[in-house]
Amino acid sequence: MTLLDALVYAGTVTFAVSGALQGVAKRFDLVGVLVLAGVTAVGGGSVRDLVSGTIPPPALLNEPLLWAIFVAGVVVFFSHRWIPEGRALYAFDTVSLAIFAALGAERGLEVGFGFWGTVFAGVVSGVGGGVIRDLLSGDVPGILYRSGDLYASAAAVGAVVVFVTHATDPGLAIVAGVVVTVVMRVGSRLADLQLPVPRT
């Protein structure tokens, strides 16, 4: 398994866990939790693949990956009592955001996107699953309002790092993008950094 494969599995499973945790917090039944786990795990990457012309999305053809999503959802459903939901959801969501933002930027570069196309691919890949998760669970997507930390902005900066460093070492560029996104999101939460909103 290559570094890229490992990151795909890690990001997909962590997003599945975050989706399942959201379903549990909303008191969904088993099917609802599994659906939320699935769309969170593959939603952003699938939108990215459609934008970049990769049809059908590779994740939907990867049976072991889909089974991993299913198992993650089932495990969360039956063991959620022992998981600190708030902190766990944030941690899994942050790791997933970082991994998929970097992988999305990498996919954009593979198909020949320029700077803005690469950043867009990274952001869509990173936040898409979370947006779908929030909409299905009845919440306003966190990227649309002040939520106490940077989310899409952190994914965008991670994608920029991948774009800038990719020519030197693609593998290192992905790792750097992941690290920068995690540091930005966690750091902004600790420092209570938020984007401005219109004055009323």
N, C-alpha and C. Protein backbone atom coordinates (compact mmCIF):
# COMPACT_ATOMS: atom_id res chain seq x y z
N MET A 1 0.85 -1.19 0.00
CA MET A 1 0.00 0.00 0.00
C MET A 1 0.88 1.24 0.00
N THR A 2 0.61 2.16 -0.91
CA THR A 2 1.38 3.39 -1.00
C THR A 2 0.91 4.40 0.04
N LEU A 3 1.70 5.47 0.20
CA LEU A 3 1.30 6.54 1.11
C LEU A 3 -0.05 7.11 0.71
N LEU A 4 -0.26 7.26 -0.59
CA LEU A 4 -1.52 7.82 -1.08
C LEU A 4 -2.69 6.91 -0.71
N ASP A 5 -2.51 5.60 -0.90
CA ASP A 5 -3.57 4.64 -0.54
C ASP A 5 -3.88 4.71 0.96
N ALA A 6 -2.82 4.77 1.76
CA ALA A 6 -3.00 4.82 3.22
C ALA A 6 -3.76 6.06 3.63
N LEU A 7 -3.44 7.20 3.00
CA LEU A 7 -4.13 8.44 3.33
C LEU A 7 -5.59 8.39 2.89
N VAL A 8 -5.86 7.77 1.73
CA VAL A 8 -7.24 7.64 1.28
C VAL A 8 -8.05 6.84 2.30
N TYR A 9 -7.51 5.72 2.75
CA TYR A 9 -8.21 4.90 3.73
C TYR A 9 -8.38 5.65 5.05
N ALA A 10 -7.32 6.31 5.50
CA ALA A 10 -7.38 7.02 6.78
C ALA A 10 -8.42 8.14 6.72
N GLY A 11 -8.39 8.93 5.64
CA GLY A 11 -9.34 10.03 5.52
C GLY A 11 -10.76 9.55 5.38
N THR A 12 -10.97 8.50 4.60
CA THR A 12 -12.32 7.98 4.38
C THR A 12 -12.91 7.41 5.66
N VAL A 13 -12.13 6.62 6.37
CA VAL A 13 -12.64 6.01 7.60
C VAL A 13 -12.89 7.06 8.68
N THR A 14 -11.99 8.03 8.80
CA THR A 14 -12.21 9.06 9.82
C THR A 14 -13.44 9.91 9.49
N PHE A 15 -13.65 10.20 8.21
CA PHE A 15 -14.87 10.91 7.83
C PHE A 15 -16.10 10.05 8.11
N ALA A 16 -16.01 8.75 7.86
CA ALA A 16 -17.13 7.86 8.16
C ALA A 16 -17.46 7.89 9.65
N VAL A 17 -16.43 7.88 10.47
CA VAL A 17 -16.64 7.94 11.92
C VAL A 17 -17.30 9.27 12.30
N SER A 18 -16.83 10.37 11.72
CA SER A 18 -17.43 11.66 12.07
C SER A 18 -18.89 11.72 11.64
N GLY A 19 -19.20 11.16 10.47
CA GLY A 19 -20.59 11.12 10.03
C GLY A 19 -21.44 10.26 10.94
N ALA A 20 -20.92 9.10 11.32
CA ALA A 20 -21.66 8.21 12.22
C ALA A 20 -21.89 8.87 13.58
N LEU A 21 -20.87 9.56 14.09
CA LEU A 21 -21.03 10.25 15.37
C LEU A 21 -22.11 11.33 15.30
N GLN A 22 -22.16 12.02 14.17
CA GLN A 22 -23.21 13.02 13.99
C GLN A 22 -24.59 12.36 13.98
N GLY A 23 -24.69 11.21 13.31
CA GLY A 23 -25.95 10.48 13.27
C GLY A 23 -26.38 10.02 14.65
N VAL A 24 -25.42 9.55 15.44
CA VAL A 24 -25.72 9.12 16.81
C VAL A 24 -26.18 10.31 17.64
N ALA A 25 -25.50 11.45 17.49
CA ALA A 25 -25.87 12.64 18.26
C ALA A 25 -27.28 13.11 17.91
N LYS A 26 -27.71 12.86 16.65
CA LYS A 26 -29.04 13.25 16.21
C LYS A 26 -30.08 12.16 16.47
N ARG A 27 -29.68 11.09 17.11
CA ARG A 27 -30.57 9.97 17.46
C ARG A 27 -31.11 9.28 16.21
N PHE A 28 -30.30 9.14 15.16
CA PHE A 28 -30.71 8.39 13.98
C PHE A 28 -30.69 6.90 14.29
N ASP A 29 -31.47 6.13 13.52
CA ASP A 29 -31.42 4.68 13.69
C ASP A 29 -30.18 4.14 12.97
N LEU A 30 -30.02 2.80 12.99
CA LEU A 30 -28.81 2.20 12.42
C LEU A 30 -28.63 2.56 10.95
N VAL A 31 -29.72 2.47 10.17
CA VAL A 31 -29.62 2.79 8.75
C VAL A 31 -29.25 4.26 8.57
N GLY A 32 -29.85 5.14 9.35
CA GLY A 32 -29.54 6.56 9.25
C GLY A 32 -28.08 6.85 9.57
N VAL A 33 -27.56 6.19 10.60
CA VAL A 33 -26.15 6.37 10.96
C VAL A 33 -25.24 5.88 9.85
N LEU A 34 -25.57 4.74 9.24
CA LEU A 34 -24.75 4.20 8.15
C LEU A 34 -24.81 5.10 6.92
N VAL A 35 -26.00 5.63 6.62
CA VAL A 35 -26.12 6.54 5.47
C VAL A 35 -25.27 7.79 5.71
N LEU A 36 -25.35 8.35 6.91
CA LEU A 36 -24.58 9.55 7.20
C LEU A 36 -23.08 9.26 7.17
N ALA A 37 -22.69 8.09 7.67
CA ALA A 37 -21.28 7.70 7.59
C ALA A 37 -20.82 7.60 6.14
N GLY A 38 -21.66 6.99 5.29
CA GLY A 38 -21.29 6.79 3.89
C GLY A 38 -21.18 8.08 3.11
N VAL A 39 -22.18 8.94 3.22
CA VAL A 39 -22.14 10.18 2.42
C VAL A 39 -21.06 11.13 2.92
N THR A 40 -20.77 11.09 4.22
CA THR A 40 -19.69 11.92 4.74
C THR A 40 -18.34 11.43 4.24
N ALA A 41 -18.20 10.11 4.18
CA ALA A 41 -16.92 9.52 3.78
C ALA A 41 -16.61 9.71 2.31
N VAL A 42 -17.60 9.57 1.44
CA VAL A 42 -17.32 9.61 -0.01
C VAL A 42 -17.90 10.83 -0.71
N GLY A 43 -18.67 11.65 0.00
CA GLY A 43 -19.35 12.77 -0.64
C GLY A 43 -18.40 13.80 -1.23
N GLY A 44 -17.48 14.31 -0.42
CA GLY A 44 -16.57 15.33 -0.90
C GLY A 44 -15.66 14.83 -2.01
N GLY A 45 -15.12 13.62 -1.82
CA GLY A 45 -14.24 13.06 -2.85
C GLY A 45 -14.97 12.79 -4.15
N SER A 46 -16.23 12.39 -4.05
CA SER A 46 -17.01 12.13 -5.27
C SER A 46 -17.28 13.42 -6.04
N VAL A 47 -17.62 14.49 -5.32
CA VAL A 47 -17.82 15.78 -5.98
C VAL A 47 -16.52 16.23 -6.64
N ARG A 48 -15.42 16.07 -5.94
CA ARG A 48 -14.11 16.41 -6.51
C ARG A 48 -13.84 15.62 -7.79
N ASP A 49 -14.13 14.33 -7.76
CA ASP A 49 -13.88 13.48 -8.93
C ASP A 49 -14.76 13.90 -10.11
N LEU A 50 -16.01 14.24 -9.83
CA LEU A 50 -16.89 14.69 -10.90
C LEU A 50 -16.39 15.99 -11.52
N VAL A 51 -15.92 16.90 -10.66
CA VAL A 51 -15.40 18.18 -11.16
C VAL A 51 -14.15 17.96 -12.01
N SER A 52 -13.33 16.99 -11.62
CA SER A 52 -12.08 16.75 -12.34
C SER A 52 -12.24 15.76 -13.49
N GLY A 53 -13.48 15.31 -13.74
CA GLY A 53 -13.74 14.44 -14.87
C GLY A 53 -13.45 12.97 -14.64
N THR A 54 -13.30 12.57 -13.38
CA THR A 54 -13.05 11.16 -13.06
C THR A 54 -14.38 10.47 -12.76
N ILE A 55 -14.90 9.75 -13.76
CA ILE A 55 -16.23 9.13 -13.65
C ILE A 55 -16.12 7.65 -14.04
N PRO A 56 -16.68 6.75 -13.20
CA PRO A 56 -17.28 6.99 -11.88
C PRO A 56 -16.21 7.25 -10.83
N PRO A 57 -16.59 7.88 -9.71
CA PRO A 57 -15.62 8.14 -8.64
C PRO A 57 -14.96 6.84 -8.17
N PRO A 58 -13.64 6.80 -8.07
CA PRO A 58 -12.94 5.57 -7.68
C PRO A 58 -13.41 4.98 -6.36
N ALA A 59 -13.81 5.83 -5.41
CA ALA A 59 -14.23 5.32 -4.10
C ALA A 59 -15.42 4.37 -4.23
N LEU A 60 -16.30 4.62 -5.20
CA LEU A 60 -17.49 3.79 -5.36
C LEU A 60 -17.16 2.46 -6.04
N LEU A 61 -15.95 2.32 -6.54
CA LEU A 61 -15.52 1.06 -7.15
C LEU A 61 -14.60 0.27 -6.22
N ASN A 62 -14.29 0.85 -5.09
CA ASN A 62 -13.34 0.24 -4.15
C ASN A 62 -14.11 -0.51 -3.07
N GLU A 63 -14.38 -1.79 -3.29
CA GLU A 63 -15.20 -2.57 -2.35
C GLU A 63 -14.58 -2.65 -0.95
N PRO A 64 -13.27 -2.90 -0.80
CA PRO A 64 -12.71 -2.91 0.56
C PRO A 64 -12.91 -1.59 1.29
N LEU A 65 -12.80 -0.48 0.57
CA LEU A 65 -13.00 0.83 1.19
C LEU A 65 -14.44 1.01 1.63
N LEU A 66 -15.38 0.57 0.81
CA LEU A 66 -16.80 0.69 1.16
C LEU A 66 -17.14 -0.20 2.36
N TRP A 67 -16.53 -1.37 2.43
CA TRP A 67 -16.73 -2.22 3.59
C TRP A 67 -16.15 -1.58 4.85
N ALA A 68 -15.02 -0.90 4.70
CA ALA A 68 -14.42 -0.21 5.85
C ALA A 68 -15.35 0.88 6.36
N ILE A 69 -16.01 1.59 5.45
CA ILE A 69 -16.99 2.61 5.85
C ILE A 69 -18.14 1.97 6.61
N PHE A 70 -18.65 0.86 6.08
CA PHE A 70 -19.76 0.15 6.72
C PHE A 70 -19.37 -0.30 8.13
N VAL A 71 -18.20 -0.89 8.26
CA VAL A 71 -17.74 -1.39 9.57
C VAL A 71 -17.56 -0.22 10.53
N ALA A 72 -16.99 0.89 10.06
CA ALA A 72 -16.80 2.05 10.93
C ALA A 72 -18.14 2.56 11.45
N GLY A 73 -19.15 2.61 10.57
CA GLY A 73 -20.47 3.06 11.01
C GLY A 73 -21.09 2.14 12.04
N VAL A 74 -20.97 0.84 11.82
CA VAL A 74 -21.53 -0.13 12.77
C VAL A 74 -20.83 -0.04 14.11
N VAL A 75 -19.51 0.05 14.08
CA VAL A 75 -18.74 0.13 15.33
C VAL A 75 -19.13 1.36 16.13
N VAL A 76 -19.25 2.50 15.46
CA VAL A 76 -19.64 3.73 16.17
C VAL A 76 -21.05 3.60 16.74
N PHE A 77 -21.96 3.02 15.97
CA PHE A 77 -23.34 2.89 16.42
C PHE A 77 -23.43 2.10 17.72
N PHE A 78 -22.66 1.01 17.82
CA PHE A 78 -22.77 0.13 18.98
C PHE A 78 -21.81 0.48 20.10
N SER A 79 -20.84 1.37 19.85
CA SER A 79 -19.86 1.69 20.90
C SER A 79 -19.83 3.17 21.25
N HIS A 80 -20.82 3.93 20.77
CA HIS A 80 -20.78 5.38 20.96
C HIS A 80 -20.81 5.80 22.42
N ARG A 81 -21.32 4.94 23.29
CA ARG A 81 -21.40 5.29 24.71
C ARG A 81 -20.03 5.52 25.31
N TRP A 82 -19.02 4.91 24.73
CA TRP A 82 -17.66 5.02 25.25
C TRP A 82 -16.82 6.04 24.48
N ILE A 83 -17.47 6.79 23.59
CA ILE A 83 -16.75 7.78 22.79
C ILE A 83 -17.18 9.17 23.22
N PRO A 84 -16.24 10.04 23.63
CA PRO A 84 -16.60 11.42 23.98
C PRO A 84 -17.00 12.18 22.73
N GLU A 85 -18.30 12.25 22.45
CA GLU A 85 -18.80 12.64 21.13
C GLU A 85 -18.30 13.99 20.64
N GLY A 86 -18.37 15.02 21.47
CA GLY A 86 -17.98 16.35 21.01
C GLY A 86 -16.53 16.42 20.57
N ARG A 87 -15.63 16.00 21.44
CA ARG A 87 -14.20 16.05 21.13
C ARG A 87 -13.83 15.05 20.05
N ALA A 88 -14.45 13.88 20.07
CA ALA A 88 -14.14 12.87 19.06
C ALA A 88 -14.58 13.34 17.68
N LEU A 89 -15.78 13.92 17.59
CA LEU A 89 -16.27 14.40 16.30
C LEU A 89 -15.34 15.48 15.75
N TYR A 90 -14.90 16.38 16.62
CA TYR A 90 -14.00 17.45 16.18
C TYR A 90 -12.67 16.87 15.69
N ALA A 91 -12.13 15.92 16.44
CA ALA A 91 -10.84 15.34 16.08
C ALA A 91 -10.92 14.58 14.76
N PHE A 92 -11.92 13.73 14.61
CA PHE A 92 -12.06 12.96 13.37
C PHE A 92 -12.35 13.89 12.19
N ASP A 93 -13.17 14.90 12.42
CA ASP A 93 -13.51 15.83 11.35
C ASP A 93 -12.28 16.62 10.90
N THR A 94 -11.45 17.02 11.84
CA THR A 94 -10.24 17.79 11.52
C THR A 94 -9.25 16.95 10.72
N VAL A 95 -9.01 15.73 11.15
CA VAL A 95 -8.07 14.85 10.44
C VAL A 95 -8.58 14.57 9.03
N SER A 96 -9.87 14.27 8.91
CA SER A 96 -10.46 13.98 7.61
C SER A 96 -10.38 15.19 6.69
N LEU A 97 -10.72 16.36 7.21
CA LEU A 97 -10.64 17.60 6.44
C LEU A 97 -9.24 17.78 5.87
N ALA A 98 -8.24 17.60 6.71
CA ALA A 98 -6.86 17.82 6.29
C ALA A 98 -6.43 16.82 5.21
N ILE A 99 -6.75 15.56 5.42
CA ILE A 99 -6.34 14.54 4.46
C ILE A 99 -7.02 14.74 3.11
N PHE A 100 -8.32 14.99 3.13
CA PHE A 100 -9.03 15.11 1.86
C PHE A 100 -8.73 16.43 1.15
N ALA A 101 -8.42 17.48 1.90
CA ALA A 101 -8.01 18.72 1.25
C ALA A 101 -6.71 18.51 0.49
N ALA A 102 -5.76 17.82 1.11
CA ALA A 102 -4.48 17.55 0.45
C ALA A 102 -4.66 16.60 -0.74
N LEU A 103 -5.45 15.56 -0.56
CA LEU A 103 -5.67 14.62 -1.66
C LEU A 103 -6.45 15.26 -2.80
N GLY A 104 -7.38 16.14 -2.46
CA GLY A 104 -8.13 16.84 -3.50
C GLY A 104 -7.23 17.75 -4.32
N ALA A 105 -6.33 18.45 -3.65
CA ALA A 105 -5.38 19.30 -4.36
C ALA A 105 -4.47 18.45 -5.26
N GLU A 106 -4.05 17.31 -4.75
CA GLU A 106 -3.22 16.41 -5.55
C GLU A 106 -3.96 15.93 -6.79
N ARG A 107 -5.23 15.59 -6.64
CA ARG A 107 -6.03 15.16 -7.79
C ARG A 107 -6.17 16.30 -8.79
N GLY A 108 -6.36 17.52 -8.31
CA GLY A 108 -6.44 18.66 -9.21
C GLY A 108 -5.18 18.85 -10.02
N LEU A 109 -4.03 18.67 -9.38
CA LEU A 109 -2.76 18.78 -10.09
C LEU A 109 -2.60 17.66 -11.11
N GLU A 110 -3.07 16.47 -10.77
CA GLU A 110 -2.97 15.33 -11.69
C GLU A 110 -3.71 15.57 -12.99
N VAL A 111 -4.84 16.24 -12.93
CA VAL A 111 -5.63 16.46 -14.14
C VAL A 111 -5.30 17.79 -14.82
N GLY A 112 -4.30 18.51 -14.29
CA GLY A 112 -3.84 19.71 -14.97
C GLY A 112 -4.46 21.01 -14.52
N PHE A 113 -5.09 21.04 -13.36
CA PHE A 113 -5.66 22.29 -12.86
C PHE A 113 -4.54 23.28 -12.54
N GLY A 114 -4.85 24.57 -12.68
CA GLY A 114 -3.95 25.62 -12.24
C GLY A 114 -4.13 25.90 -10.77
N PHE A 115 -3.68 27.07 -10.33
CA PHE A 115 -3.70 27.40 -8.91
C PHE A 115 -5.12 27.35 -8.33
N TRP A 116 -6.04 28.14 -8.91
CA TRP A 116 -7.38 28.23 -8.34
C TRP A 116 -8.15 26.92 -8.48
N GLY A 117 -7.96 26.23 -9.60
CA GLY A 117 -8.62 24.94 -9.76
C GLY A 117 -8.16 23.93 -8.73
N THR A 118 -6.86 23.96 -8.43
CA THR A 118 -6.31 23.05 -7.43
C THR A 118 -6.84 23.36 -6.04
N VAL A 119 -6.89 24.64 -5.71
CA VAL A 119 -7.42 25.04 -4.40
C VAL A 119 -8.89 24.66 -4.30
N PHE A 120 -9.65 24.90 -5.36
CA PHE A 120 -11.07 24.54 -5.36
C PHE A 120 -11.25 23.03 -5.16
N ALA A 121 -10.46 22.24 -5.88
CA ALA A 121 -10.55 20.78 -5.74
C ALA A 121 -10.23 20.35 -4.31
N GLY A 122 -9.23 20.99 -3.70
CA GLY A 122 -8.88 20.65 -2.34
C GLY A 122 -9.96 21.01 -1.34
N VAL A 123 -10.53 22.20 -1.49
CA VAL A 123 -11.57 22.64 -0.56
C VAL A 123 -12.83 21.79 -0.71
N VAL A 124 -13.27 21.56 -1.95
CA VAL A 124 -14.47 20.74 -2.18
C VAL A 124 -14.27 19.33 -1.61
N SER A 125 -13.10 18.78 -1.85
CA SER A 125 -12.81 17.44 -1.34
C SER A 125 -12.83 17.42 0.18
N GLY A 126 -12.29 18.48 0.80
CA GLY A 126 -12.21 18.51 2.25
C GLY A 126 -13.52 18.78 2.95
N VAL A 127 -14.31 19.71 2.41
CA VAL A 127 -15.52 20.13 3.13
C VAL A 127 -16.79 19.50 2.59
N GLY A 128 -16.74 18.91 1.38
CA GLY A 128 -17.96 18.40 0.74
C GLY A 128 -18.70 17.38 1.57
N GLY A 129 -17.98 16.41 2.11
CA GLY A 129 -18.63 15.38 2.92
C GLY A 129 -19.27 15.96 4.16
N GLY A 130 -18.59 16.91 4.81
CA GLY A 130 -19.14 17.54 6.00
C GLY A 130 -20.37 18.37 5.70
N VAL A 131 -20.38 19.04 4.54
CA VAL A 131 -21.55 19.83 4.15
C VAL A 131 -22.76 18.92 3.95
N ILE A 132 -22.56 17.81 3.23
CA ILE A 132 -23.66 16.86 3.01
C ILE A 132 -24.14 16.28 4.34
N ARG A 133 -23.20 15.95 5.21
CA ARG A 133 -23.55 15.42 6.54
C ARG A 133 -24.41 16.41 7.30
N ASP A 134 -24.01 17.68 7.32
CA ASP A 134 -24.75 18.69 8.07
C ASP A 134 -26.15 18.90 7.49
N LEU A 135 -26.24 18.94 6.16
CA LEU A 135 -27.55 19.15 5.53
C LEU A 135 -28.50 18.00 5.83
N LEU A 136 -28.01 16.77 5.73
CA LEU A 136 -28.87 15.61 5.99
C LEU A 136 -29.27 15.51 7.46
N SER A 137 -28.44 16.03 8.34
CA SER A 137 -28.77 15.95 9.76
C SER A 137 -29.49 17.20 10.27
N GLY A 138 -29.84 18.11 9.33
CA GLY A 138 -30.65 19.26 9.70
C GLY A 138 -29.90 20.44 10.26
N ASP A 139 -28.59 20.52 10.04
CA ASP A 139 -27.79 21.64 10.53
C ASP A 139 -27.36 22.53 9.36
N VAL A 140 -27.13 23.81 9.66
CA VAL A 140 -26.53 24.70 8.67
C VAL A 140 -25.06 24.30 8.55
N PRO A 141 -24.56 24.05 7.33
CA PRO A 141 -23.14 23.67 7.18
C PRO A 141 -22.21 24.65 7.87
N GLY A 142 -21.25 24.12 8.60
CA GLY A 142 -20.36 24.94 9.39
C GLY A 142 -19.53 25.93 8.60
N ILE A 143 -19.33 25.67 7.30
CA ILE A 143 -18.51 26.58 6.49
C ILE A 143 -19.22 27.90 6.20
N LEU A 144 -20.51 28.00 6.50
CA LEU A 144 -21.28 29.19 6.14
C LEU A 144 -21.39 30.22 7.24
N TYR A 145 -20.91 29.91 8.44
CA TYR A 145 -21.06 30.88 9.52
C TYR A 145 -19.91 30.73 10.50
N ARG A 146 -19.84 31.66 11.42
CA ARG A 146 -18.76 31.64 12.41
C ARG A 146 -18.97 30.47 13.35
N SER A 147 -18.02 29.53 13.35
CA SER A 147 -18.20 28.34 14.18
C SER A 147 -17.10 28.20 15.23
N GLY A 148 -16.30 29.23 15.43
CA GLY A 148 -15.29 29.16 16.49
C GLY A 148 -13.91 28.77 16.00
N ASP A 149 -13.78 28.41 14.74
CA ASP A 149 -12.47 28.10 14.19
C ASP A 149 -12.53 28.17 12.67
N LEU A 150 -11.39 28.02 12.04
CA LEU A 150 -11.32 28.04 10.58
C LEU A 150 -11.54 26.63 10.04
N TYR A 151 -12.33 26.51 9.00
CA TYR A 151 -12.65 25.20 8.44
C TYR A 151 -12.29 25.15 6.96
N ALA A 152 -13.12 25.75 6.12
CA ALA A 152 -12.81 25.79 4.70
C ALA A 152 -11.52 26.57 4.44
N SER A 153 -11.29 27.62 5.23
CA SER A 153 -10.06 28.41 5.07
C SER A 153 -8.83 27.55 5.35
N ALA A 154 -8.90 26.71 6.36
CA ALA A 154 -7.78 25.83 6.67
C ALA A 154 -7.54 24.84 5.53
N ALA A 155 -8.64 24.31 4.96
CA ALA A 155 -8.50 23.39 3.83
C ALA A 155 -7.87 24.10 2.63
N ALA A 156 -8.27 25.35 2.40
CA ALA A 156 -7.72 26.11 1.28
C ALA A 156 -6.23 26.34 1.43
N VAL A 157 -5.80 26.68 2.63
CA VAL A 157 -4.37 26.91 2.85
C VAL A 157 -3.59 25.60 2.69
N GLY A 158 -4.16 24.50 3.17
CA GLY A 158 -3.51 23.20 2.97
C GLY A 158 -3.36 22.87 1.50
N ALA A 159 -4.40 23.17 0.71
CA ALA A 159 -4.34 22.94 -0.73
C ALA A 159 -3.28 23.81 -1.39
N VAL A 160 -3.16 25.05 -0.93
CA VAL A 160 -2.13 25.95 -1.46
C VAL A 160 -0.74 25.39 -1.18
N VAL A 161 -0.54 24.85 0.01
CA VAL A 161 0.75 24.26 0.35
C VAL A 161 1.08 23.10 -0.58
N VAL A 162 0.08 22.26 -0.88
CA VAL A 162 0.30 21.15 -1.81
C VAL A 162 0.68 21.70 -3.19
N PHE A 163 -0.02 22.71 -3.64
CA PHE A 163 0.25 23.28 -4.96
C PHE A 163 1.68 23.83 -5.03
N VAL A 164 2.09 24.54 -4.00
CA VAL A 164 3.40 25.20 -4.01
C VAL A 164 4.54 24.20 -3.90
N THR A 165 4.37 23.14 -3.12
CA THR A 165 5.47 22.22 -2.84
C THR A 165 5.44 20.94 -3.68
N HIS A 166 4.41 20.79 -4.50
CA HIS A 166 4.22 19.54 -5.23
C HIS A 166 5.39 19.23 -6.17
N ALA A 167 5.92 20.23 -6.83
CA ALA A 167 6.99 20.01 -7.80
C ALA A 167 8.25 19.47 -7.14
N THR A 168 8.47 19.78 -5.88
CA THR A 168 9.67 19.33 -5.18
C THR A 168 9.57 17.86 -4.79
N ASP A 169 8.46 17.48 -4.15
CA ASP A 169 8.25 16.10 -3.70
C ASP A 169 6.76 15.90 -3.47
N PRO A 170 6.05 15.21 -4.39
CA PRO A 170 4.60 15.05 -4.26
C PRO A 170 4.17 14.43 -2.93
N GLY A 171 4.87 13.40 -2.48
CA GLY A 171 4.50 12.76 -1.23
C GLY A 171 4.65 13.69 -0.05
N LEU A 172 5.77 14.40 -0.01
CA LEU A 172 6.01 15.36 1.07
C LEU A 172 5.02 16.51 1.00
N ALA A 173 4.62 16.90 -0.21
CA ALA A 173 3.65 17.98 -0.38
C ALA A 173 2.32 17.61 0.26
N ILE A 174 1.88 16.37 0.08
CA ILE A 174 0.61 15.93 0.67
C ILE A 174 0.70 15.94 2.19
N VAL A 175 1.80 15.41 2.72
CA VAL A 175 1.98 15.40 4.18
C VAL A 175 2.00 16.82 4.73
N ALA A 176 2.71 17.72 4.03
CA ALA A 176 2.79 19.11 4.48
C ALA A 176 1.41 19.76 4.45
N GLY A 177 0.63 19.48 3.41
CA GLY A 177 -0.71 20.02 3.33
C GLY A 177 -1.59 19.56 4.47
N VAL A 178 -1.48 18.27 4.81
CA VAL A 178 -2.25 17.72 5.93
C VAL A 178 -1.88 18.41 7.23
N VAL A 179 -0.58 18.51 7.48
CA VAL A 179 -0.11 19.10 8.74
C VAL A 179 -0.55 20.56 8.86
N VAL A 180 -0.40 21.33 7.79
CA VAL A 180 -0.75 22.75 7.82
C VAL A 180 -2.25 22.93 8.09
N THR A 181 -3.09 22.11 7.45
CA THR A 181 -4.53 22.22 7.67
C THR A 181 -4.90 21.91 9.11
N VAL A 182 -4.32 20.85 9.67
CA VAL A 182 -4.60 20.49 11.07
C VAL A 182 -4.15 21.61 12.00
N VAL A 183 -2.94 22.11 11.79
CA VAL A 183 -2.42 23.17 12.66
C VAL A 183 -3.27 24.43 12.56
N MET A 184 -3.70 24.78 11.36
CA MET A 184 -4.53 25.96 11.19
C MET A 184 -5.87 25.82 11.90
N ARG A 185 -6.50 24.65 11.74
CA ARG A 185 -7.82 24.51 12.36
C ARG A 185 -7.73 24.45 13.88
N VAL A 186 -6.82 23.64 14.39
CA VAL A 186 -6.68 23.53 15.84
C VAL A 186 -6.17 24.84 16.43
N GLY A 187 -5.20 25.46 15.75
CA GLY A 187 -4.66 26.73 16.25
C GLY A 187 -5.70 27.82 16.27
N SER A 188 -6.55 27.87 15.24
CA SER A 188 -7.59 28.90 15.21
C SER A 188 -8.62 28.68 16.31
N ARG A 189 -8.86 27.43 16.64
CA ARG A 189 -9.80 27.14 17.74
C ARG A 189 -9.21 27.57 19.07
N LEU A 190 -7.94 27.27 19.28
CA LEU A 190 -7.29 27.64 20.54
C LEU A 190 -7.19 29.16 20.68
N ALA A 191 -6.95 29.84 19.55
CA ALA A 191 -6.81 31.30 19.58
C ALA A 191 -8.13 32.02 19.36
N ASP A 192 -9.20 31.25 19.14
CA ASP A 192 -10.53 31.82 18.88
C ASP A 192 -10.50 32.77 17.68
N LEU A 193 -9.83 32.33 16.62
CA LEU A 193 -9.79 33.11 15.38
C LEU A 193 -11.01 32.78 14.54
N GLN A 194 -11.65 33.81 14.01
CA GLN A 194 -12.84 33.63 13.19
C GLN A 194 -12.82 34.61 12.05
N LEU A 195 -13.47 34.24 10.96
CA LEU A 195 -13.58 35.16 9.84
C LEU A 195 -14.62 36.24 10.15
N PRO A 196 -14.45 37.43 9.58
CA PRO A 196 -15.42 38.51 9.86
C PRO A 196 -16.79 38.23 9.27
N VAL A 197 -17.80 38.80 9.88
CA VAL A 197 -19.17 38.72 9.38
C VAL A 197 -19.70 40.13 9.21
N PRO A 198 -20.76 40.33 8.40
CA PRO A 198 -21.30 41.68 8.21
C PRO A 198 -21.83 42.26 9.52
N ARG A 199 -21.64 43.55 9.70
CA ARG A 199 -22.19 44.21 10.87
C ARG A 199 -23.67 44.45 10.69
N THR A 200 -24.43 44.29 11.76
CA THR A 200 -25.87 44.51 11.70
C THR A 200 -26.23 45.86 12.30
